[in-house]
Amino acid sequence: MRPSARRRGHAASALADALPIARELGIPRVLLTCDVSNAGSRATIEKNGGAYEDTRNGKRRYWIDTA
């Protein structure tokens, strides 16, 4: 997200819109990752139901069920 468009909910909305598409494609759950230091991406993923799994190589890993 470009800096001037941040903190307006665009990323959260885009992710929310993508999840039903994944479900329609038969993808039962999706893996999302973000850098440990990226608080904005972390908040976006968690806002959309991301369940934290673990951290690997500086990346936080989250799963979201699409069903």
N, C-alpha and C. Protein backbone atom coordinates (compact mmCIF):
# COMPACT_ATOMS: atom_id res chain seq x y z
N MET A 1 0.85 -1.16 0.00
CA MET A 1 0.00 0.00 0.00
C MET A 1 0.90 1.23 0.00
N ARG A 2 0.61 2.15 -0.89
CA ARG A 2 1.45 3.35 -0.93
C ARG A 2 1.21 4.17 0.34
N PRO A 3 2.23 4.88 0.79
CA PRO A 3 2.13 5.60 2.07
C PRO A 3 0.92 6.52 2.18
N SER A 4 0.56 7.22 1.11
CA SER A 4 -0.56 8.17 1.21
C SER A 4 -1.92 7.47 1.33
N ALA A 5 -1.98 6.17 1.06
CA ALA A 5 -3.26 5.43 1.14
C ALA A 5 -3.33 4.54 2.38
N ARG A 6 -2.32 4.58 3.21
CA ARG A 6 -2.31 3.73 4.40
C ARG A 6 -3.30 4.22 5.45
N ARG A 7 -3.70 3.29 6.32
CA ARG A 7 -4.57 3.57 7.47
C ARG A 7 -5.96 4.02 7.06
N ARG A 8 -6.43 3.56 5.90
CA ARG A 8 -7.78 3.87 5.44
C ARG A 8 -8.62 2.61 5.26
N GLY A 9 -8.05 1.44 5.59
CA GLY A 9 -8.80 0.21 5.51
C GLY A 9 -8.79 -0.47 4.15
N HIS A 10 -8.01 0.06 3.20
CA HIS A 10 -7.99 -0.51 1.86
C HIS A 10 -7.45 -1.94 1.86
N ALA A 11 -6.37 -2.19 2.57
CA ALA A 11 -5.77 -3.53 2.59
C ALA A 11 -6.71 -4.53 3.26
N ALA A 12 -7.32 -4.14 4.36
CA ALA A 12 -8.26 -5.02 5.06
C ALA A 12 -9.45 -5.35 4.16
N SER A 13 -9.93 -4.38 3.44
CA SER A 13 -11.05 -4.59 2.52
C SER A 13 -10.66 -5.52 1.37
N ALA A 14 -9.47 -5.31 0.83
CA ALA A 14 -9.00 -6.17 -0.27
C ALA A 14 -8.86 -7.61 0.20
N LEU A 15 -8.32 -7.81 1.39
CA LEU A 15 -8.19 -9.16 1.92
C LEU A 15 -9.57 -9.76 2.17
N ALA A 16 -10.49 -9.01 2.74
CA ALA A 16 -11.84 -9.51 3.00
C ALA A 16 -12.53 -9.89 1.69
N ASP A 17 -12.30 -9.15 0.64
CA ASP A 17 -12.89 -9.45 -0.67
C ASP A 17 -12.26 -10.68 -1.30
N ALA A 18 -10.99 -10.95 -1.01
CA ALA A 18 -10.28 -12.08 -1.62
C ALA A 18 -10.66 -13.42 -0.98
N LEU A 19 -11.03 -13.40 0.28
CA LEU A 19 -11.31 -14.66 0.99
C LEU A 19 -12.49 -15.44 0.38
N PRO A 20 -13.61 -14.80 0.03
CA PRO A 20 -14.70 -15.56 -0.61
C PRO A 20 -14.28 -16.13 -1.97
N ILE A 21 -13.42 -15.43 -2.67
CA ILE A 21 -12.94 -15.93 -3.96
C ILE A 21 -12.11 -17.19 -3.75
N ALA A 22 -11.27 -17.17 -2.73
CA ALA A 22 -10.49 -18.37 -2.41
C ALA A 22 -11.42 -19.53 -2.08
N ARG A 23 -12.48 -19.26 -1.33
CA ARG A 23 -13.46 -20.30 -0.98
C ARG A 23 -14.11 -20.86 -2.24
N GLU A 24 -14.51 -19.99 -3.17
CA GLU A 24 -15.13 -20.43 -4.42
C GLU A 24 -14.18 -21.27 -5.26
N LEU A 25 -12.90 -21.03 -5.11
CA LEU A 25 -11.89 -21.80 -5.85
C LEU A 25 -11.57 -23.13 -5.16
N GLY A 26 -12.22 -23.38 -4.03
CA GLY A 26 -12.00 -24.64 -3.32
C GLY A 26 -10.82 -24.63 -2.38
N ILE A 27 -10.36 -23.45 -2.01
CA ILE A 27 -9.24 -23.33 -1.09
C ILE A 27 -9.82 -23.19 0.32
N PRO A 28 -9.67 -24.23 1.15
CA PRO A 28 -10.33 -24.22 2.46
C PRO A 28 -9.70 -23.28 3.49
N ARG A 29 -8.42 -23.01 3.35
CA ARG A 29 -7.77 -22.05 4.24
C ARG A 29 -6.54 -21.49 3.54
N VAL A 30 -6.21 -20.28 3.92
CA VAL A 30 -5.09 -19.59 3.28
C VAL A 30 -4.02 -19.25 4.31
N LEU A 31 -2.79 -19.26 3.87
CA LEU A 31 -1.65 -18.89 4.71
C LEU A 31 -1.23 -17.49 4.31
N LEU A 32 -1.14 -16.61 5.30
CA LEU A 32 -0.66 -15.25 5.07
C LEU A 32 0.56 -15.03 5.94
N THR A 33 1.52 -14.30 5.42
CA THR A 33 2.72 -13.99 6.19
C THR A 33 2.98 -12.49 6.15
N CYS A 34 3.68 -12.01 7.15
CA CYS A 34 4.12 -10.63 7.15
C CYS A 34 5.41 -10.54 7.97
N ASP A 35 6.18 -9.51 7.71
CA ASP A 35 7.40 -9.30 8.47
C ASP A 35 7.04 -9.05 9.94
N VAL A 36 7.89 -9.52 10.83
CA VAL A 36 7.67 -9.33 12.26
C VAL A 36 7.49 -7.84 12.58
N SER A 37 8.21 -6.99 11.90
CA SER A 37 8.17 -5.56 12.19
C SER A 37 7.02 -4.82 11.52
N ASN A 38 6.19 -5.50 10.74
CA ASN A 38 5.12 -4.82 9.99
C ASN A 38 3.81 -4.86 10.77
N ALA A 39 3.62 -3.89 11.63
CA ALA A 39 2.44 -3.84 12.49
C ALA A 39 1.16 -3.65 11.68
N GLY A 40 1.22 -2.91 10.59
CA GLY A 40 0.04 -2.67 9.77
C GLY A 40 -0.47 -3.95 9.12
N SER A 41 0.43 -4.73 8.55
CA SER A 41 0.02 -5.99 7.93
C SER A 41 -0.49 -6.97 8.98
N ARG A 42 0.16 -6.97 10.12
CA ARG A 42 -0.28 -7.84 11.21
C ARG A 42 -1.71 -7.49 11.61
N ALA A 43 -2.01 -6.22 11.77
CA ALA A 43 -3.35 -5.79 12.15
C ALA A 43 -4.37 -6.14 11.06
N THR A 44 -4.00 -5.98 9.81
CA THR A 44 -4.89 -6.30 8.70
C THR A 44 -5.24 -7.78 8.70
N ILE A 45 -4.24 -8.62 8.86
CA ILE A 45 -4.47 -10.07 8.87
C ILE A 45 -5.33 -10.47 10.06
N GLU A 46 -5.02 -9.94 11.22
CA GLU A 46 -5.78 -10.29 12.43
C GLU A 46 -7.22 -9.77 12.35
N LYS A 47 -7.41 -8.60 11.74
CA LYS A 47 -8.76 -8.05 11.58
C LYS A 47 -9.63 -8.96 10.72
N ASN A 48 -9.01 -9.69 9.82
CA ASN A 48 -9.73 -10.59 8.93
C ASN A 48 -9.74 -12.04 9.42
N GLY A 49 -9.48 -12.23 10.70
CA GLY A 49 -9.60 -13.56 11.29
C GLY A 49 -8.36 -14.41 11.25
N GLY A 50 -7.22 -13.82 10.98
CA GLY A 50 -5.97 -14.58 10.94
C GLY A 50 -5.62 -15.18 12.29
N ALA A 51 -5.35 -16.47 12.28
CA ALA A 51 -4.94 -17.18 13.50
C ALA A 51 -3.42 -17.36 13.45
N TYR A 52 -2.73 -16.75 14.39
CA TYR A 52 -1.27 -16.82 14.43
C TYR A 52 -0.81 -18.26 14.62
N GLU A 53 0.13 -18.69 13.78
CA GLU A 53 0.71 -20.03 13.91
C GLU A 53 2.07 -19.97 14.58
N ASP A 54 3.01 -19.27 13.95
CA ASP A 54 4.35 -19.14 14.51
C ASP A 54 5.13 -18.10 13.71
N THR A 55 6.38 -17.92 14.10
CA THR A 55 7.29 -17.02 13.39
C THR A 55 8.45 -17.84 12.87
N ARG A 56 8.76 -17.65 11.59
CA ARG A 56 9.87 -18.35 10.94
C ARG A 56 10.66 -17.37 10.10
N ASN A 57 11.95 -17.32 10.33
CA ASN A 57 12.84 -16.48 9.53
C ASN A 57 12.36 -15.03 9.43
N GLY A 58 11.91 -14.49 10.56
CA GLY A 58 11.49 -13.09 10.59
C GLY A 58 10.11 -12.83 10.03
N LYS A 59 9.34 -13.87 9.74
CA LYS A 59 7.99 -13.74 9.20
C LYS A 59 6.98 -14.35 10.15
N ARG A 60 5.93 -13.61 10.45
CA ARG A 60 4.81 -14.14 11.23
C ARG A 60 3.89 -14.88 10.26
N ARG A 61 3.41 -16.05 10.67
CA ARG A 61 2.55 -16.87 9.82
C ARG A 61 1.15 -16.96 10.42
N TYR A 62 0.15 -16.72 9.58
CA TYR A 62 -1.25 -16.75 10.00
C TYR A 62 -2.05 -17.62 9.02
N TRP A 63 -3.05 -18.30 9.56
CA TRP A 63 -4.00 -19.05 8.75
C TRP A 63 -5.38 -18.42 8.88
N ILE A 64 -6.10 -18.39 7.75
CA ILE A 64 -7.50 -17.94 7.75
C ILE A 64 -8.32 -19.03 7.06
N ASP A 65 -9.34 -19.52 7.76
CA ASP A 65 -10.28 -20.47 7.16
C ASP A 65 -11.21 -19.70 6.24
N THR A 66 -11.47 -20.24 5.05
CA THR A 66 -12.36 -19.58 4.11
C THR A 66 -13.76 -20.15 4.15
N ALA A 67 -13.93 -21.29 4.81
CA ALA A 67 -15.25 -21.95 4.83
C ALA A 67 -16.19 -21.29 5.81
